[in-house]
Every structure is written in structure tokens, then in C-alpha cells.
Amino acid sequence: MRSLKLVLAAAAVLCAAPVTAEAGSCMRVGAIGDGLTHDLAVIMSTHGLANIIDHKGLKAKGPIHTTCAPTTFLTECRSSQTACK
């Protein structure tokens, strides 16, 4: 019974290794942008996100997720996207 548990544990480690290596090469990148209007804030956050991804030498993958909220005088948007090496 103990040897069966060891075999199953070793198999789980071997199966998880490729997934861990793949997940390690990707990361979630985020940027914040402010603007007088909602549209300007979206542009500032998405363009800032693209600049950060480019500067890190990564390639964007998947859709950009953007959320916005009004502040005292401006609108603040936060954009994020997955980027891989």
C-alpha cells in the first residue's frame, strides 16, 4: 500500500512539472491610466499596458481586461493582460 502511494505521488509530480514550467513563462501585467473622460482613461491604461509588455520583452496573449471608476476629478482605469516570453 505504501509503495502504491509513492508511485502515485511520483506520477503526480511528473505530470505537474510540464504545467509548472509553462505557467512560469507567463505572467499577468497591469497598468493604470487616468483621464478627464472615460475614453481617455481607457486609452491611457491600454497604451501604458502595451508599453510595459513591450519594455519587458514579452508578447501579449489573450484579451485585455479593463475596469474603470470615477475619482474626485478624473476617471481611473486599470487594464491587465496575460503576457508570455
PDB file of N, CA and C in Angstrom:
ATOM      1  N   MET A   1       0.813  -1.189   0.000  1.00  0.00           N
ATOM      2  CA  MET A   1       0.000   0.000   0.000  1.00  0.00           C
ATOM      3  C   MET A   1       0.862   1.260   0.000  1.00  0.00           C
ATOM      4  N   ARG A   2       1.958   1.220   0.786  1.00  0.00           N
ATOM      5  CA  ARG A   2       2.834   2.384   0.843  1.00  0.00           C
ATOM      6  C   ARG A   2       3.515   2.621  -0.501  1.00  0.00           C
ATOM      7  N   SER A   3       3.921   1.537  -1.174  1.00  0.00           N
ATOM      8  CA  SER A   3       4.585   1.698  -2.468  1.00  0.00           C
ATOM      9  C   SER A   3       3.616   2.253  -3.513  1.00  0.00           C
ATOM     10  N   LEU A   4       2.345   1.907  -3.409  1.00  0.00           N
ATOM     11  CA  LEU A   4       1.343   2.453  -4.325  1.00  0.00           C
ATOM     12  C   LEU A   4       1.202   3.957  -4.131  1.00  0.00           C
ATOM     13  N   LYS A   5       1.217   4.408  -2.877  1.00  0.00           N
ATOM     14  CA  LYS A   5       1.141   5.844  -2.594  1.00  0.00           C
ATOM     15  C   LYS A   5       2.363   6.574  -3.147  1.00  0.00           C
ATOM     16  N   LEU A   6       3.541   5.963  -3.010  1.00  0.00           N
ATOM     17  CA  LEU A   6       4.761   6.579  -3.539  1.00  0.00           C
ATOM     18  C   LEU A   6       4.712   6.684  -5.065  1.00  0.00           C
ATOM     19  N   VAL A   7       4.229   5.633  -5.704  1.00  0.00           N
ATOM     20  CA  VAL A   7       4.124   5.644  -7.166  1.00  0.00           C
ATOM     21  C   VAL A   7       3.137   6.723  -7.616  1.00  0.00           C
ATOM     22  N   LEU A   8       1.999   6.818  -6.945  1.00  0.00           N
ATOM     23  CA  LEU A   8       1.014   7.839  -7.298  1.00  0.00           C
ATOM     24  C   LEU A   8       1.548   9.247  -7.057  1.00  0.00           C
ATOM     25  N   ALA A   9       2.285   9.439  -5.966  1.00  0.00           N
ATOM     26  CA  ALA A   9       2.869  10.750  -5.682  1.00  0.00           C
ATOM     27  C   ALA A   9       3.908  11.115  -6.740  1.00  0.00           C
ATOM     28  N   ALA A  10       4.745  10.161  -7.133  1.00  0.00           N
ATOM     29  CA  ALA A  10       5.753  10.415  -8.164  1.00  0.00           C
ATOM     30  C   ALA A  10       5.094  10.726  -9.502  1.00  0.00           C
ATOM     31  N   ALA A  11       4.028  10.022  -9.829  1.00  0.00           N
ATOM     32  CA  ALA A  11       3.313  10.278 -11.082  1.00  0.00           C
ATOM     33  C   ALA A  11       2.686  11.675 -11.071  1.00  0.00           C
ATOM     34  N   ALA A  12       2.158  12.083  -9.931  1.00  0.00           N
ATOM     35  CA  ALA A  12       1.559  13.419  -9.833  1.00  0.00           C
ATOM     36  C   ALA A  12       2.610  14.499 -10.025  1.00  0.00           C
ATOM     37  N   VAL A  13       3.802  14.305  -9.460  1.00  0.00           N
ATOM     38  CA  VAL A  13       4.890  15.276  -9.619  1.00  0.00           C
ATOM     39  C   VAL A  13       5.337  15.345 -11.072  1.00  0.00           C
ATOM     40  N   LEU A  14       5.472  14.203 -11.727  1.00  0.00           N
ATOM     41  CA  LEU A  14       5.904  14.191 -13.121  1.00  0.00           C
ATOM     42  C   LEU A  14       4.866  14.837 -14.048  1.00  0.00           C
ATOM     43  N   CYS A  15       3.595  14.624 -13.754  1.00  0.00           N
ATOM     44  CA  CYS A  15       2.545  15.230 -14.576  1.00  0.00           C
ATOM     45  C   CYS A  15       2.451  16.731 -14.350  1.00  0.00           C
ATOM     46  N   ALA A  16       2.733  17.182 -13.158  1.00  0.00           N
ATOM     47  CA  ALA A  16       2.619  18.612 -12.840  1.00  0.00           C
ATOM     48  C   ALA A  16       3.821  19.403 -13.330  1.00  0.00           C
ATOM     49  N   ALA A  17       4.958  18.793 -13.538  1.00  0.00           N
ATOM     50  CA  ALA A  17       6.175  19.507 -13.934  1.00  0.00           C
ATOM     51  C   ALA A  17       6.019  20.282 -15.236  1.00  0.00           C
ATOM     52  N   PRO A  18       5.488  19.705 -16.333  1.00  0.00           N
ATOM     53  CA  PRO A  18       5.358  20.487 -17.560  1.00  0.00           C
ATOM     54  C   PRO A  18       4.381  21.656 -17.410  1.00  0.00           C
ATOM     55  N   VAL A  19       3.340  21.479 -16.641  1.00  0.00           N
ATOM     56  CA  VAL A  19       2.376  22.561 -16.434  1.00  0.00           C
ATOM     57  C   VAL A  19       3.035  23.706 -15.687  1.00  0.00           C
ATOM     58  N   THR A  20       3.839  23.413 -14.681  1.00  0.00           N
ATOM     59  CA  THR A  20       4.522  24.434 -13.902  1.00  0.00           C
ATOM     60  C   THR A  20       5.511  25.194 -14.770  1.00  0.00           C
ATOM     61  N   ALA A  21       6.233  24.507 -15.635  1.00  0.00           N
ATOM     62  CA  ALA A  21       7.202  25.174 -16.500  1.00  0.00           C
ATOM     63  C   ALA A  21       6.495  26.113 -17.467  1.00  0.00           C
ATOM     64  N   GLU A  22       5.371  25.711 -18.009  1.00  0.00           N
ATOM     65  CA  GLU A  22       4.626  26.554 -18.947  1.00  0.00           C
ATOM     66  C   GLU A  22       4.036  27.759 -18.240  1.00  0.00           C
ATOM     67  N   ALA A  23       3.488  27.542 -17.053  1.00  0.00           N
ATOM     68  CA  ALA A  23       2.876  28.647 -16.322  1.00  0.00           C
ATOM     69  C   ALA A  23       3.922  29.654 -15.871  1.00  0.00           C
ATOM     70  N   GLY A  24       5.147  29.216 -15.647  1.00  0.00           N
ATOM     71  CA  GLY A  24       6.207  30.110 -15.207  1.00  0.00           C
ATOM     72  C   GLY A  24       6.656  31.086 -16.273  1.00  0.00           C
ATOM     73  N   SER A  25       6.404  30.805 -17.545  1.00  0.00           N
ATOM     74  CA  SER A  25       6.853  31.693 -18.608  1.00  0.00           C
ATOM     75  C   SER A  25       5.827  32.779 -18.918  1.00  0.00           C
ATOM     76  N   CYS A  26       4.658  32.731 -18.299  1.00  0.00           N
ATOM     77  CA  CYS A  26       3.618  33.742 -18.499  1.00  0.00           C
ATOM     78  C   CYS A  26       3.341  34.469 -17.192  1.00  0.00           C
ATOM     79  N   MET A  27       2.903  35.702 -17.313  1.00  0.00           N
ATOM     80  CA  MET A  27       2.554  36.483 -16.136  1.00  0.00           C
ATOM     81  C   MET A  27       1.420  37.439 -16.470  1.00  0.00           C
ATOM     82  N   ARG A  28       0.763  37.919 -15.450  1.00  0.00           N
ATOM     83  CA  ARG A  28      -0.310  38.905 -15.608  1.00  0.00           C
ATOM     84  C   ARG A  28       0.322  40.280 -15.423  1.00  0.00           C
ATOM     85  N   VAL A  29       0.164  41.156 -16.417  1.00  0.00           N
ATOM     86  CA  VAL A  29       0.743  42.501 -16.386  1.00  0.00           C
ATOM     87  C   VAL A  29      -0.402  43.497 -16.281  1.00  0.00           C
ATOM     88  N   GLY A  30      -0.219  44.554 -15.490  1.00  0.00           N
ATOM     89  CA  GLY A  30      -1.273  45.537 -15.308  1.00  0.00           C
ATOM     90  C   GLY A  30      -0.757  46.953 -15.439  1.00  0.00           C
ATOM     91  N   ALA A  31      -1.666  47.874 -15.748  1.00  0.00           N
ATOM     92  CA  ALA A  31      -1.336  49.291 -15.862  1.00  0.00           C
ATOM     93  C   ALA A  31      -2.539  50.113 -15.440  1.00  0.00           C
ATOM     94  N   ILE A  32      -2.274  51.322 -14.946  1.00  0.00           N
ATOM     95  CA  ILE A  32      -3.325  52.244 -14.523  1.00  0.00           C
ATOM     96  C   ILE A  32      -3.219  53.500 -15.374  1.00  0.00           C
ATOM     97  N   GLY A  33      -4.371  54.019 -15.812  1.00  0.00           N
ATOM     98  CA  GLY A  33      -4.406  55.260 -16.581  1.00  0.00           C
ATOM     99  C   GLY A  33      -5.500  56.176 -16.078  1.00  0.00           C
ATOM    100  N   ASP A  34      -5.210  57.477 -16.041  1.00  0.00           N
ATOM    101  CA  ASP A  34      -6.181  58.490 -15.626  1.00  0.00           C
ATOM    102  C   ASP A  34      -6.507  59.390 -16.809  1.00  0.00           C
ATOM    103  N   GLY A  35      -7.726  59.913 -16.819  1.00  0.00           N
ATOM    104  CA  GLY A  35      -8.122  60.846 -17.870  1.00  0.00           C
ATOM    105  C   GLY A  35      -9.325  61.659 -17.451  1.00  0.00           C
ATOM    106  N   LEU A  36      -9.529  62.788 -18.126  1.00  0.00           N
ATOM    107  CA  LEU A  36     -10.690  63.622 -17.840  1.00  0.00           C
ATOM    108  C   LEU A  36     -11.988  62.927 -18.207  1.00  0.00           C
ATOM    109  N   THR A  37     -11.937  62.078 -19.231  1.00  0.00           N
ATOM    110  CA  THR A  37     -13.116  61.329 -19.651  1.00  0.00           C
ATOM    111  C   THR A  37     -12.828  59.832 -19.546  1.00  0.00           C
ATOM    112  N   HIS A  38     -13.872  59.047 -19.609  1.00  0.00           N
ATOM    113  CA  HIS A  38     -13.738  57.589 -19.566  1.00  0.00           C
ATOM    114  C   HIS A  38     -12.886  57.092 -20.730  1.00  0.00           C
ATOM    115  N   ASP A  39     -13.145  57.604 -21.922  1.00  0.00           N
ATOM    116  CA  ASP A  39     -12.407  57.146 -23.104  1.00  0.00           C
ATOM    117  C   ASP A  39     -10.914  57.445 -23.002  1.00  0.00           C
ATOM    118  N   LEU A  40     -10.563  58.631 -22.514  1.00  0.00           N
ATOM    119  CA  LEU A  40      -9.146  58.970 -22.364  1.00  0.00           C
ATOM    120  C   LEU A  40      -8.463  58.077 -21.329  1.00  0.00           C
ATOM    121  N   ALA A  41      -9.167  57.772 -20.256  1.00  0.00           N
ATOM    122  CA  ALA A  41      -8.592  56.904 -19.229  1.00  0.00           C
ATOM    123  C   ALA A  41      -8.363  55.490 -19.765  1.00  0.00           C
ATOM    124  N   VAL A  42      -9.291  54.989 -20.576  1.00  0.00           N
ATOM    125  CA  VAL A  42      -9.121  53.664 -21.190  1.00  0.00           C
ATOM    126  C   VAL A  42      -7.911  53.671 -22.118  1.00  0.00           C
ATOM    127  N   ILE A  43      -7.782  54.709 -22.934  1.00  0.00           N
ATOM    128  CA  ILE A  43      -6.642  54.805 -23.856  1.00  0.00           C
ATOM    129  C   ILE A  43      -5.326  54.848 -23.082  1.00  0.00           C
ATOM    130  N   MET A  44      -5.282  55.650 -22.015  1.00  0.00           N
ATOM    131  CA  MET A  44      -4.046  55.764 -21.240  1.00  0.00           C
ATOM    132  C   MET A  44      -3.669  54.430 -20.589  1.00  0.00           C
ATOM    133  N   SER A  45      -4.642  53.696 -20.057  1.00  0.00           N
ATOM    134  CA  SER A  45      -4.313  52.431 -19.395  1.00  0.00           C
ATOM    135  C   SER A  45      -3.940  51.338 -20.401  1.00  0.00           C
ATOM    136  N   THR A  46      -4.639  51.255 -21.526  1.00  0.00           N
ATOM    137  CA  THR A  46      -4.323  50.200 -22.500  1.00  0.00           C
ATOM    138  C   THR A  46      -3.007  50.483 -23.227  1.00  0.00           C
ATOM    139  N   HIS A  47      -2.727  51.734 -23.530  1.00  0.00           N
ATOM    140  CA  HIS A  47      -1.450  52.052 -24.179  1.00  0.00           C
ATOM    141  C   HIS A  47      -0.292  51.885 -23.190  1.00  0.00           C
ATOM    142  N   GLY A  48      -0.520  52.240 -21.930  1.00  0.00           N
ATOM    143  CA  GLY A  48       0.500  52.002 -20.908  1.00  0.00           C
ATOM    144  C   GLY A  48       0.782  50.519 -20.736  1.00  0.00           C
ATOM    145  N   LEU A  49      -0.261  49.714 -20.790  1.00  0.00           N
ATOM    146  CA  LEU A  49      -0.105  48.267 -20.702  1.00  0.00           C
ATOM    147  C   LEU A  49       0.732  47.741 -21.860  1.00  0.00           C
ATOM    148  N   ALA A  50       0.440  48.199 -23.058  1.00  0.00           N
ATOM    149  CA  ALA A  50       1.216  47.765 -24.236  1.00  0.00           C
ATOM    150  C   ALA A  50       2.684  48.172 -24.102  1.00  0.00           C
ATOM    151  N   ASN A  51       2.950  49.370 -23.584  1.00  0.00           N
ATOM    152  CA  ASN A  51       4.328  49.820 -23.398  1.00  0.00           C
ATOM    153  C   ASN A  51       5.067  48.973 -22.375  1.00  0.00           C
ATOM    154  N   ILE A  52       4.397  48.620 -21.282  1.00  0.00           N
ATOM    155  CA  ILE A  52       5.034  47.799 -20.250  1.00  0.00           C
ATOM    156  C   ILE A  52       5.357  46.412 -20.795  1.00  0.00           C
ATOM    157  N   ILE A  53       4.410  45.804 -21.509  1.00  0.00           N
ATOM    158  CA  ILE A  53       4.635  44.470 -22.080  1.00  0.00           C
ATOM    159  C   ILE A  53       5.793  44.509 -23.066  1.00  0.00           C
ATOM    160  N   ASP A  54       5.832  45.525 -23.909  1.00  0.00           N
ATOM    161  CA  ASP A  54       6.918  45.663 -24.886  1.00  0.00           C
ATOM    162  C   ASP A  54       8.260  45.880 -24.189  1.00  0.00           C
ATOM    163  N   HIS A  55       8.282  46.727 -23.178  1.00  0.00           N
ATOM    164  CA  HIS A  55       9.525  47.022 -22.466  1.00  0.00           C
ATOM    165  C   HIS A  55      10.089  45.782 -21.769  1.00  0.00           C
ATOM    166  N   LYS A  56       9.231  44.902 -21.283  1.00  0.00           N
ATOM    167  CA  LYS A  56       9.680  43.678 -20.619  1.00  0.00           C
ATOM    168  C   LYS A  56      10.077  42.589 -21.618  1.00  0.00           C
ATOM    169  N   GLY A  57       9.870  42.836 -22.909  1.00  0.00           N
ATOM    170  CA  GLY A  57      10.219  41.848 -23.926  1.00  0.00           C
ATOM    171  C   GLY A  57       9.248  40.681 -23.979  1.00  0.00           C
ATOM    172  N   LEU A  58       8.012  40.911 -23.610  1.00  0.00           N
ATOM    173  CA  LEU A  58       7.000  39.859 -23.600  1.00  0.00           C
ATOM    174  C   LEU A  58       6.064  40.001 -24.795  1.00  0.00           C
ATOM    175  N   LYS A  59       5.269  38.977 -25.032  1.00  0.00           N
ATOM    176  CA  LYS A  59       4.251  39.014 -26.076  1.00  0.00           C
ATOM    177  C   LYS A  59       2.882  38.868 -25.423  1.00  0.00           C
ATOM    178  N   ALA A  60       1.985  39.777 -25.772  1.00  0.00           N
ATOM    179  CA  ALA A  60       0.644  39.763 -25.197  1.00  0.00           C
ATOM    180  C   ALA A  60      -0.116  38.524 -25.654  1.00  0.00           C
ATOM    181  N   LYS A  61      -0.941  37.989 -24.742  1.00  0.00           N
ATOM    182  CA  LYS A  61      -1.716  36.791 -25.046  1.00  0.00           C
ATOM    183  C   LYS A  61      -3.098  36.954 -24.432  1.00  0.00           C
ATOM    184  N   GLY A  62      -4.126  36.797 -25.223  1.00  0.00           N
ATOM    185  CA  GLY A  62      -5.483  36.886 -24.709  1.00  0.00           C
ATOM    186  C   GLY A  62      -6.020  38.305 -24.692  1.00  0.00           C
ATOM    187  N   PRO A  63      -7.238  38.457 -24.207  1.00  0.00           N
ATOM    188  CA  PRO A  63      -7.885  39.775 -24.218  1.00  0.00           C
ATOM    189  C   PRO A  63      -7.371  40.684 -23.100  1.00  0.00           C
ATOM    190  N   ILE A  64      -7.551  41.974 -23.304  1.00  0.00           N
ATOM    191  CA  ILE A  64      -7.235  42.964 -22.282  1.00  0.00           C
ATOM    192  C   ILE A  64      -8.482  43.142 -21.411  1.00  0.00           C
ATOM    193  N   HIS A  65      -8.300  43.109 -20.095  1.00  0.00           N
ATOM    194  CA  HIS A  65      -9.398  43.323 -19.155  1.00  0.00           C
ATOM    195  C   HIS A  65      -9.241  44.714 -18.552  1.00  0.00           C
ATOM    196  N   THR A  66     -10.255  45.561 -18.708  1.00  0.00           N
ATOM    197  CA  THR A  66     -10.196  46.934 -18.215  1.00  0.00           C
ATOM    198  C   THR A  66     -11.401  47.223 -17.329  1.00  0.00           C
ATOM    199  N   THR A  67     -11.127  47.817 -16.170  1.00  0.00           N
ATOM    200  CA  THR A  67     -12.182  48.293 -15.283  1.00  0.00           C
ATOM    201  C   THR A  67     -11.908  49.757 -14.969  1.00  0.00           C
ATOM    202  N   CYS A  68     -12.969  50.549 -14.902  1.00  0.00           N
ATOM    203  CA  CYS A  68     -12.832  51.981 -14.654  1.00  0.00           C
ATOM    204  C   CYS A  68     -13.707  52.404 -13.488  1.00  0.00           C
ATOM    205  N   ALA A  69     -13.254  53.455 -12.808  1.00  0.00           N
ATOM    206  CA  ALA A  69     -14.021  54.025 -11.698  1.00  0.00           C
ATOM    207  C   ALA A  69     -13.749  55.520 -11.638  1.00  0.00           C
ATOM    208  N   PRO A  70     -14.763  56.307 -11.337  1.00  0.00           N
ATOM    209  CA  PRO A  70     -14.541  57.755 -11.215  1.00  0.00           C
ATOM    210  C   PRO A  70     -13.795  58.076  -9.924  1.00  0.00           C
ATOM    211  N   THR A  71     -12.911  59.069 -10.002  1.00  0.00           N
ATOM    212  CA  THR A  71     -12.241  59.596  -8.814  1.00  0.00           C
ATOM    213  C   THR A  71     -12.775  61.008  -8.599  1.00  0.00           C
ATOM    214  N   THR A  72     -12.123  61.791  -7.782  1.00  0.00           N
ATOM    215  CA  THR A  72     -12.624  63.128  -7.470  1.00  0.00           C
ATOM    216  C   THR A  72     -12.763  63.994  -8.714  1.00  0.00           C
ATOM    217  N   PHE A  73     -11.716  64.055  -9.537  1.00  0.00           N
ATOM    218  CA  PHE A  73     -11.751  64.905 -10.727  1.00  0.00           C
ATOM    219  C   PHE A  73     -11.588  64.133 -12.025  1.00  0.00           C
ATOM    220  N   LEU A  74     -11.037  62.953 -11.963  1.00  0.00           N
ATOM    221  CA  LEU A  74     -10.706  62.179 -13.158  1.00  0.00           C
ATOM    222  C   LEU A  74     -11.409  60.825 -13.132  1.00  0.00           C
ATOM    223  N   THR A  75     -11.214  60.076 -14.203  1.00  0.00           N
ATOM    224  CA  THR A  75     -11.620  58.674 -14.257  1.00  0.00           C
ATOM    225  C   THR A  75     -10.349  57.845 -14.245  1.00  0.00           C
ATOM    226  N   GLU A  76     -10.319  56.801 -13.425  1.00  0.00           N
ATOM    227  CA  GLU A  76      -9.156  55.926 -13.339  1.00  0.00           C
ATOM    228  C   GLU A  76      -9.513  54.566 -13.896  1.00  0.00           C
ATOM    229  N   CYS A  77      -8.706  54.070 -14.825  1.00  0.00           N
ATOM    230  CA  CYS A  77      -8.913  52.745 -15.412  1.00  0.00           C
ATOM    231  C   CYS A  77      -7.708  51.863 -15.123  1.00  0.00           C
ATOM    232  N   ARG A  78      -7.998  50.600 -14.875  1.00  0.00           N
ATOM    233  CA  ARG A  78      -6.957  49.591 -14.654  1.00  0.00           C
ATOM    234  C   ARG A  78      -7.119  48.533 -15.739  1.00  0.00           C
ATOM    235  N   SER A  79      -6.042  48.318 -16.489  1.00  0.00           N
ATOM    236  CA  SER A  79      -6.043  47.313 -17.549  1.00  0.00           C
ATOM    237  C   SER A  79      -5.036  46.226 -17.212  1.00  0.00           C
ATOM    238  N   SER A  80      -5.360  44.986 -17.559  1.00  0.00           N
ATOM    239  CA  SER A  80      -4.435  43.879 -17.343  1.00  0.00           C
ATOM    240  C   SER A  80      -4.572  42.879 -18.486  1.00  0.00           C
ATOM    241  N   GLN A  81      -3.484  42.155 -18.704  1.00  0.00           N
ATOM    242  CA  GLN A  81      -3.442  41.173 -19.777  1.00  0.00           C
ATOM    243  C   GLN A  81      -2.365  40.151 -19.449  1.00  0.00           C
ATOM    244  N   THR A  82      -2.535  38.943 -19.929  1.00  0.00           N
ATOM    245  CA  THR A  82      -1.514  37.912 -19.786  1.00  0.00           C
ATOM    246  C   THR A  82      -0.447  38.138 -20.848  1.00  0.00           C
ATOM    247  N   ALA A  83       0.822  38.001 -20.447  1.00  0.00           N
ATOM    248  CA  ALA A  83       1.934  38.169 -21.379  1.00  0.00           C
ATOM    249  C   ALA A  83       2.929  37.049 -21.141  1.00  0.00           C
ATOM    250  N   CYS A  84       3.506  36.539 -22.224  1.00  0.00           N
ATOM    251  CA  CYS A  84       4.421  35.395 -22.147  1.00  0.00           C
ATOM    252  C   CYS A  84       5.752  35.731 -22.813  1.00  0.00           C
ATOM    253  N   LYS A  85       6.780  34.989 -22.413  1.00  0.00           N
ATOM    254  CA  LYS A  85       8.109  35.172 -23.028  1.00  0.00           C
ATOM    255  C   LYS A  85       8.170  34.488 -24.350  1.00  0.00           C
TER     256      LYS A  85
END
